[in-house]
C-alpha cells in the first residue's frame, strides 16, 4: 500500500458515522425475528430519522403518497420488506445528502435508483431467483462508496471526474469500491451487500461468494447506463441488447425492454431526478 493509499484509507475510516439510531435500525432489520412494528420505537427515538423516513415513505414509489401520517402508519401499512428498503434509503440520504456538487450527486442518485428499479424488476425473471426487495436494495447501494465520498471527500471525486486517463480512473474506482466495502461493514450490512458493494465496479470479483446477486447488480448497472441513467464519470455504455445478452443470454430483450421502461417511467422520484439533471 502506498503512502497515498494509506492516508486515504485513514480519511475514509474517519468519515463521520451514521447517528446511533440509524445504526440501531440497520442492525435491527437484519434479524429475522423482527417485524415492522418492532422498529417503531427505534425510529421514534430520533426526530430527524423519523422525519426522513416519513418523507421517503410518502414518495410516490411506495404507492402511499400522503397516506403515511406517522411512523406507526409506515410500520403497519408498508410491511417489513418495504420498510427495510426505506431504512436503507434513509441511511444513504443521511450519509450522502450534502456536499458541494449537487448536480453530480443528483445524477448519481438517479443512476442508483434506476439500477434499483431495474434490479428489482429483473429479479422476477431469473432462475434461480433473487428476492425482488433484496435486489432493489442491492441496486440502490451498489455505488455506496462513490455516493459517500462525493459528499465527504469531494476533492477526490473532482479528480475522478477530471481525469482522462483510464488507468487513473480505474484506480479511483477501486478506491470507491474499497470505501464502499468499509462503509458497508461499518453499517453492519449483510455479507451479500458487502460483497456486491465491494465488487460491483470491478472486472473480477475477489471471491464470488454471491454469484447470482453480483451478476444481477452488474447487469442492472449496465442496463441503467444503456437506458440513459449514467453514473457520473462512467462513460462505459453498451447497447441494451448487448448488455443483457452478455449477462442473461436466455432472456428476451424485446419483451423485457418495455417492462423496464414502464417501471422506470412510472417511478415519480426517478422522473423528478432526471428532470433535475436534464441540460
Protein backbone atom coordinates (compact mmCIF):
# COMPACT_ATOMS: atom_id res chain seq x y z
CA UNK A 1 0.00 0.00 0.00
CA UNK A 2 1.39 3.40 -0.98
CA UNK A 3 1.55 6.37 1.40
CA UNK A 4 -1.26 7.95 -0.63
CA UNK A 5 -3.46 4.87 -0.26
CA UNK A 6 -2.73 4.64 3.48
CA UNK A 7 -3.55 8.31 4.03
CA UNK A 8 -6.73 7.99 2.00
CA UNK A 9 -7.77 4.87 3.88
CA UNK A 10 -7.30 6.75 7.13
CA UNK A 11 -9.55 9.57 5.85
CA UNK A 12 -12.21 7.05 4.81
CA UNK A 13 -12.12 5.40 8.22
CA UNK A 14 -12.58 8.80 9.87
CA UNK A 15 -15.76 9.60 7.92
CA UNK A 16 -18.49 10.62 10.36
CA UNK A 17 -20.62 7.57 11.13
CA UNK A 18 -24.39 7.49 10.93
CA UNK A 19 -26.25 8.57 14.02
CA UNK A 20 -26.72 5.86 16.70
CA UNK A 21 -30.43 5.46 15.98
CA UNK A 22 -29.81 4.72 12.32
CA UNK A 23 -27.07 2.25 13.26
CA UNK A 24 -29.50 0.53 15.62
CA UNK A 25 -32.11 0.36 12.85
CA UNK A 26 -29.63 -1.11 10.37
CA UNK A 27 -28.79 -3.80 12.90
CA UNK A 28 -32.44 -4.45 13.79
CA UNK A 29 -33.55 -5.06 10.21
CA UNK A 30 -31.04 -7.91 9.88
CA UNK A 31 -32.89 -10.00 12.47
CA UNK A 32 -35.36 -12.50 11.06
CA UNK A 33 -37.33 -12.28 14.32
CA UNK A 34 -38.18 -8.57 13.97
CA UNK A 35 -41.40 -7.32 12.41
CA UNK A 36 -42.07 -3.85 11.02
CA UNK A 37 -43.85 -2.89 14.24
CA UNK A 38 -40.74 -3.80 16.27
CA UNK A 39 -38.86 -0.96 14.56
CA UNK A 40 -41.33 1.74 15.57
CA UNK A 41 -39.84 2.54 18.98
CA UNK A 42 -36.33 2.79 17.50
CA UNK A 43 -37.45 5.15 14.75
CA UNK A 44 -39.41 7.33 17.17
CA UNK A 45 -36.39 7.86 19.39
CA UNK A 46 -34.86 10.32 16.88
CA UNK A 47 -36.86 13.15 15.32
CA UNK A 48 -34.59 13.63 12.29
CA UNK A 49 -34.62 9.94 11.41
CA UNK A 50 -38.40 9.81 11.84
CA UNK A 51 -38.87 12.83 9.57
CA UNK A 52 -36.64 11.41 6.83
CA UNK A 53 -38.34 8.01 6.92
CA UNK A 54 -41.77 9.65 6.67
CA UNK A 55 -40.61 11.77 3.72
CA UNK A 56 -39.29 8.75 1.84
CA UNK A 57 -42.29 6.57 2.78
CA UNK A 58 -44.63 9.17 1.27
CA UNK A 59 -42.76 9.26 -2.03
CA UNK A 60 -44.91 8.07 -4.98
CA UNK A 61 -42.73 4.97 -5.48
CA UNK A 62 -44.22 3.23 -2.45
CA UNK A 63 -47.79 3.94 -3.51
CA UNK A 64 -48.64 5.68 -0.25
CA UNK A 65 -48.17 9.32 -1.21
CA UNK A 66 -49.73 11.47 1.51
CA UNK A 67 -51.17 8.45 3.36
CA UNK A 68 -48.29 7.87 5.79
CA UNK A 69 -49.07 10.33 8.58
CA UNK A 70 -46.99 8.73 11.33
CA UNK A 71 -44.19 6.25 11.95
CA UNK A 72 -46.85 3.75 13.04
CA UNK A 73 -48.57 4.15 9.67
CA UNK A 74 -45.26 3.39 7.95
CA UNK A 75 -44.70 0.30 10.07
CA UNK A 76 -48.24 -1.05 9.69
CA UNK A 77 -49.09 -0.16 6.09
CA UNK A 78 -45.79 -0.77 4.33
CA UNK A 79 -44.67 -4.07 5.80
CA UNK A 80 -41.17 -5.20 6.71
CA UNK A 81 -39.63 -5.54 3.24
CA UNK A 82 -40.59 -2.07 2.05
CA UNK A 83 -39.71 -0.53 5.43
CA UNK A 84 -36.29 -2.19 5.27
CA UNK A 85 -35.60 -0.58 1.88
CA UNK A 86 -36.82 2.79 3.20
CA UNK A 87 -34.35 2.47 6.08
CA UNK A 88 -31.55 1.77 3.59
CA UNK A 89 -32.62 4.82 1.56
CA UNK A 90 -32.72 6.92 4.75
CA UNK A 91 -29.21 5.81 5.72
CA UNK A 92 -28.00 6.73 2.24
CA UNK A 93 -29.72 10.12 2.48
CA UNK A 94 -28.03 10.84 5.82
CA UNK A 95 -24.61 9.77 4.56
CA UNK A 96 -24.61 11.44 1.15
CA UNK A 97 -27.23 14.17 1.18
CA UNK A 98 -24.74 17.04 1.31
CA UNK A 99 -21.62 18.23 -0.45
CA UNK A 100 -20.50 20.89 -2.92
CA UNK A 101 -21.56 19.13 -6.14
CA UNK A 102 -25.36 18.77 -6.14
CA UNK A 103 -25.59 18.06 -9.88
CA UNK A 104 -23.22 15.10 -9.70
CA UNK A 105 -24.99 13.93 -6.56
CA UNK A 106 -28.39 14.08 -8.25
CA UNK A 107 -27.07 12.26 -11.31
CA UNK A 108 -25.62 9.52 -9.10
CA UNK A 109 -28.88 9.21 -7.15
CA UNK A 110 -30.72 8.90 -10.46
CA UNK A 111 -28.36 6.15 -11.60
CA UNK A 112 -28.56 4.13 -8.39
CA UNK A 113 -32.34 4.48 -8.17
CA UNK A 114 -32.67 3.36 -11.80
CA UNK A 115 -30.34 0.44 -11.03
CA UNK A 116 -32.55 -0.46 -8.05
CA UNK A 117 -35.74 -0.39 -10.13
CA UNK A 118 -34.09 -2.44 -12.89
CA UNK A 119 -32.67 -4.99 -10.44
CA UNK A 120 -35.99 -5.38 -8.65
CA UNK A 121 -37.83 -5.88 -11.95
CA UNK A 122 -35.21 -8.14 -13.48
CA UNK A 123 -35.01 -10.35 -10.37
CA UNK A 124 -38.52 -11.66 -11.06
CA UNK A 125 -37.34 -13.08 -14.41
CA UNK A 126 -34.39 -15.06 -13.10
CA UNK A 127 -33.81 -18.69 -12.24
CA UNK A 128 -32.58 -19.23 -9.60
CA UNK A 129 -34.45 -16.15 -8.43
CA UNK A 130 -33.11 -13.29 -6.33
CA UNK A 131 -35.69 -11.87 -3.92
CA UNK A 132 -37.07 -8.70 -5.53
CA UNK A 133 -36.85 -6.50 -2.41
CA UNK A 134 -33.25 -7.50 -1.80
CA UNK A 135 -32.41 -6.95 -5.47
CA UNK A 136 -33.83 -3.43 -5.27
CA UNK A 137 -31.73 -2.63 -2.18
CA UNK A 138 -28.57 -4.06 -3.77
CA UNK A 139 -29.09 -1.84 -6.80
CA UNK A 140 -29.69 1.19 -4.59
CA UNK A 141 -26.48 0.69 -2.60
CA UNK A 142 -24.12 -0.77 -5.21
CA UNK A 143 -22.15 2.51 -5.55
CA UNK A 144 -22.19 3.28 -1.82
CA UNK A 145 -18.53 4.29 -1.72
CA UNK A 146 -18.91 6.64 -4.65
CA UNK A 147 -22.01 8.23 -3.11
CA UNK A 148 -20.50 8.84 0.31
CA UNK A 149 -17.10 10.05 -0.97
CA UNK A 150 -18.79 12.51 -3.31
CA UNK A 151 -20.07 14.23 -0.16
CA UNK A 152 -17.24 13.53 2.26
CA UNK A 153 -14.14 13.76 0.02
CA UNK A 154 -15.31 15.95 -2.88
CA UNK A 155 -11.76 16.75 -3.97
CA UNK A 156 -11.20 13.05 -4.71
CA UNK A 157 -14.39 12.92 -6.78
CA UNK A 158 -13.31 16.07 -8.62
CA UNK A 159 -10.07 14.29 -9.55
CA UNK A 160 -12.09 11.30 -10.79
CA UNK A 161 -14.32 13.49 -12.95
CA UNK A 162 -11.38 15.47 -14.36
CA UNK A 163 -9.06 12.64 -15.40
CA UNK A 164 -8.94 11.34 -18.97
CA UNK A 165 -6.56 8.54 -18.03
CA UNK A 166 -8.21 5.11 -18.00
CA UNK A 167 -5.66 3.67 -15.51
CA UNK A 168 -6.13 6.64 -13.16
CA UNK A 169 -9.90 6.36 -13.38
CA UNK A 170 -9.67 2.63 -12.74
CA UNK A 171 -7.55 3.26 -9.66
CA UNK A 172 -10.07 5.78 -8.34
CA UNK A 173 -12.93 3.35 -8.98
CA UNK A 174 -11.02 0.79 -6.90
CA UNK A 175 -10.81 3.37 -4.12
CA UNK A 176 -14.57 3.96 -4.32
CA UNK A 177 -15.17 0.20 -4.13
CA UNK A 178 -12.87 -0.18 -1.12
CA UNK A 179 -14.54 2.78 0.57
CA UNK A 180 -17.95 1.22 -0.08
CA UNK A 181 -16.81 -2.06 1.45
CA UNK A 182 -15.52 -0.25 4.56
CA UNK A 183 -18.76 1.72 4.96
CA UNK A 184 -20.89 -1.40 4.40
CA UNK A 185 -19.01 -3.16 7.19
CA UNK A 186 -19.43 -0.14 9.48
CA UNK A 187 -23.15 -0.16 8.74
CA UNK A 188 -23.20 -3.91 9.51
CA UNK A 189 -24.90 -4.66 6.23
CA UNK A 190 -25.43 -8.34 5.37
CA UNK A 191 -22.50 -10.14 3.75
CA UNK A 192 -24.22 -10.23 0.36
CA UNK A 193 -24.43 -6.42 0.40
CA UNK A 194 -20.80 -6.06 1.46
CA UNK A 195 -19.71 -8.41 -1.32
CA UNK A 196 -21.73 -6.73 -4.07
CA UNK A 197 -20.73 -3.21 -2.99
CA UNK A 198 -17.06 -4.20 -2.93
CA UNK A 199 -17.15 -5.89 -6.36
CA UNK A 200 -19.90 -4.31 -8.46
CA UNK A 201 -17.50 -1.97 -10.29
CA UNK A 202 -14.61 -4.44 -10.58
CA UNK A 203 -13.88 -6.55 -13.64
CA UNK A 204 -13.43 -9.61 -11.46
CA UNK A 205 -14.74 -10.42 -8.01
CA UNK A 206 -12.10 -11.24 -5.41
CA UNK A 207 -14.13 -14.26 -4.27
CA UNK A 208 -17.52 -14.73 -5.86
CA UNK A 209 -19.46 -15.81 -2.80
CA UNK A 210 -22.76 -14.49 -4.16
CA UNK A 211 -22.56 -15.01 -7.94
CA UNK A 212 -26.27 -14.60 -8.70
CA UNK A 213 -26.66 -11.37 -6.73
CA UNK A 214 -23.43 -9.85 -8.06
CA UNK A 215 -24.33 -10.73 -11.65
CA UNK A 216 -27.73 -9.09 -11.21
CA UNK A 217 -26.23 -5.90 -9.76
CA UNK A 218 -23.68 -5.64 -12.56
CA UNK A 219 -26.37 -6.17 -15.16
CA UNK A 220 -28.63 -3.55 -13.54
CA UNK A 221 -25.73 -1.07 -13.52
CA UNK A 222 -25.02 -1.69 -17.21
CA UNK A 223 -28.68 -1.50 -18.22
CA UNK A 224 -29.10 1.77 -16.32
CA UNK A 225 -26.16 3.15 -18.31
CA UNK A 226 -27.67 1.88 -21.56
CA UNK A 227 -31.09 3.39 -20.77
CA UNK A 228 -29.64 6.87 -20.19
CA UNK A 229 -29.29 6.85 -16.41
CA UNK A 230 -25.49 7.18 -16.31
CA UNK A 231 -23.33 7.23 -13.24
CA UNK A 232 -21.23 10.44 -13.26
CA UNK A 233 -17.79 9.84 -14.71
CA UNK A 234 -18.73 6.44 -16.14
CA UNK A 235 -18.68 6.64 -19.92
CA UNK A 236 -18.98 2.89 -20.49
CA UNK A 237 -22.16 2.21 -22.42
CA UNK A 238 -23.10 -0.89 -24.36
CA UNK A 239 -26.47 -1.13 -26.04
CA UNK A 240 -29.34 -2.58 -24.01
CA UNK A 241 -29.33 -5.75 -26.13
CA UNK A 242 -25.56 -6.30 -25.83
CA UNK A 243 -25.53 -5.69 -22.09
CA UNK A 244 -28.42 -8.07 -21.45
CA UNK A 245 -27.11 -10.80 -23.78
CA UNK A 246 -23.70 -10.74 -22.07
CA UNK A 247 -25.28 -11.35 -18.66
CA UNK A 248 -28.50 -13.22 -19.41
CA UNK A 249 -28.48 -14.58 -22.96
CA UNK A 250 -31.66 -16.59 -22.35
CA UNK A 251 -33.78 -13.53 -21.57
CA UNK A 252 -35.81 -11.93 -24.38
CA UNK A 253 -34.59 -8.33 -24.69
CA UNK A 254 -37.57 -7.30 -26.84
CA UNK A 255 -40.01 -8.47 -24.16
CA UNK A 256 -38.00 -7.14 -21.21
CA UNK A 257 -37.24 -3.65 -22.54
CA UNK A 258 -40.83 -2.30 -22.38
CA UNK A 259 -41.26 -3.79 -18.88
CA UNK A 260 -38.19 -1.93 -17.63
CA UNK A 261 -39.14 1.28 -19.43
CA UNK A 262 -42.58 1.17 -17.82
CA UNK A 263 -41.11 0.57 -14.36
CA UNK A 264 -38.61 3.42 -14.78
CA UNK A 265 -41.04 5.94 -16.24
CA UNK A 266 -43.60 5.04 -13.57
CA UNK A 267 -41.22 5.94 -10.74
CA UNK A 268 -42.06 9.58 -9.95
CA UNK A 269 -38.92 10.05 -7.84
CA UNK A 270 -36.74 8.94 -10.73
CA UNK A 271 -38.60 11.17 -13.19
CA UNK A 272 -38.03 14.14 -10.86
CA UNK A 273 -34.32 13.37 -10.56
CA UNK A 274 -33.97 13.10 -14.33
CA UNK A 275 -35.65 16.48 -14.74
CA UNK A 276 -33.10 17.99 -12.33
CA UNK A 277 -30.11 16.71 -14.31
CA UNK A 278 -31.55 17.47 -17.75
CA UNK A 279 -29.49 20.10 -19.60
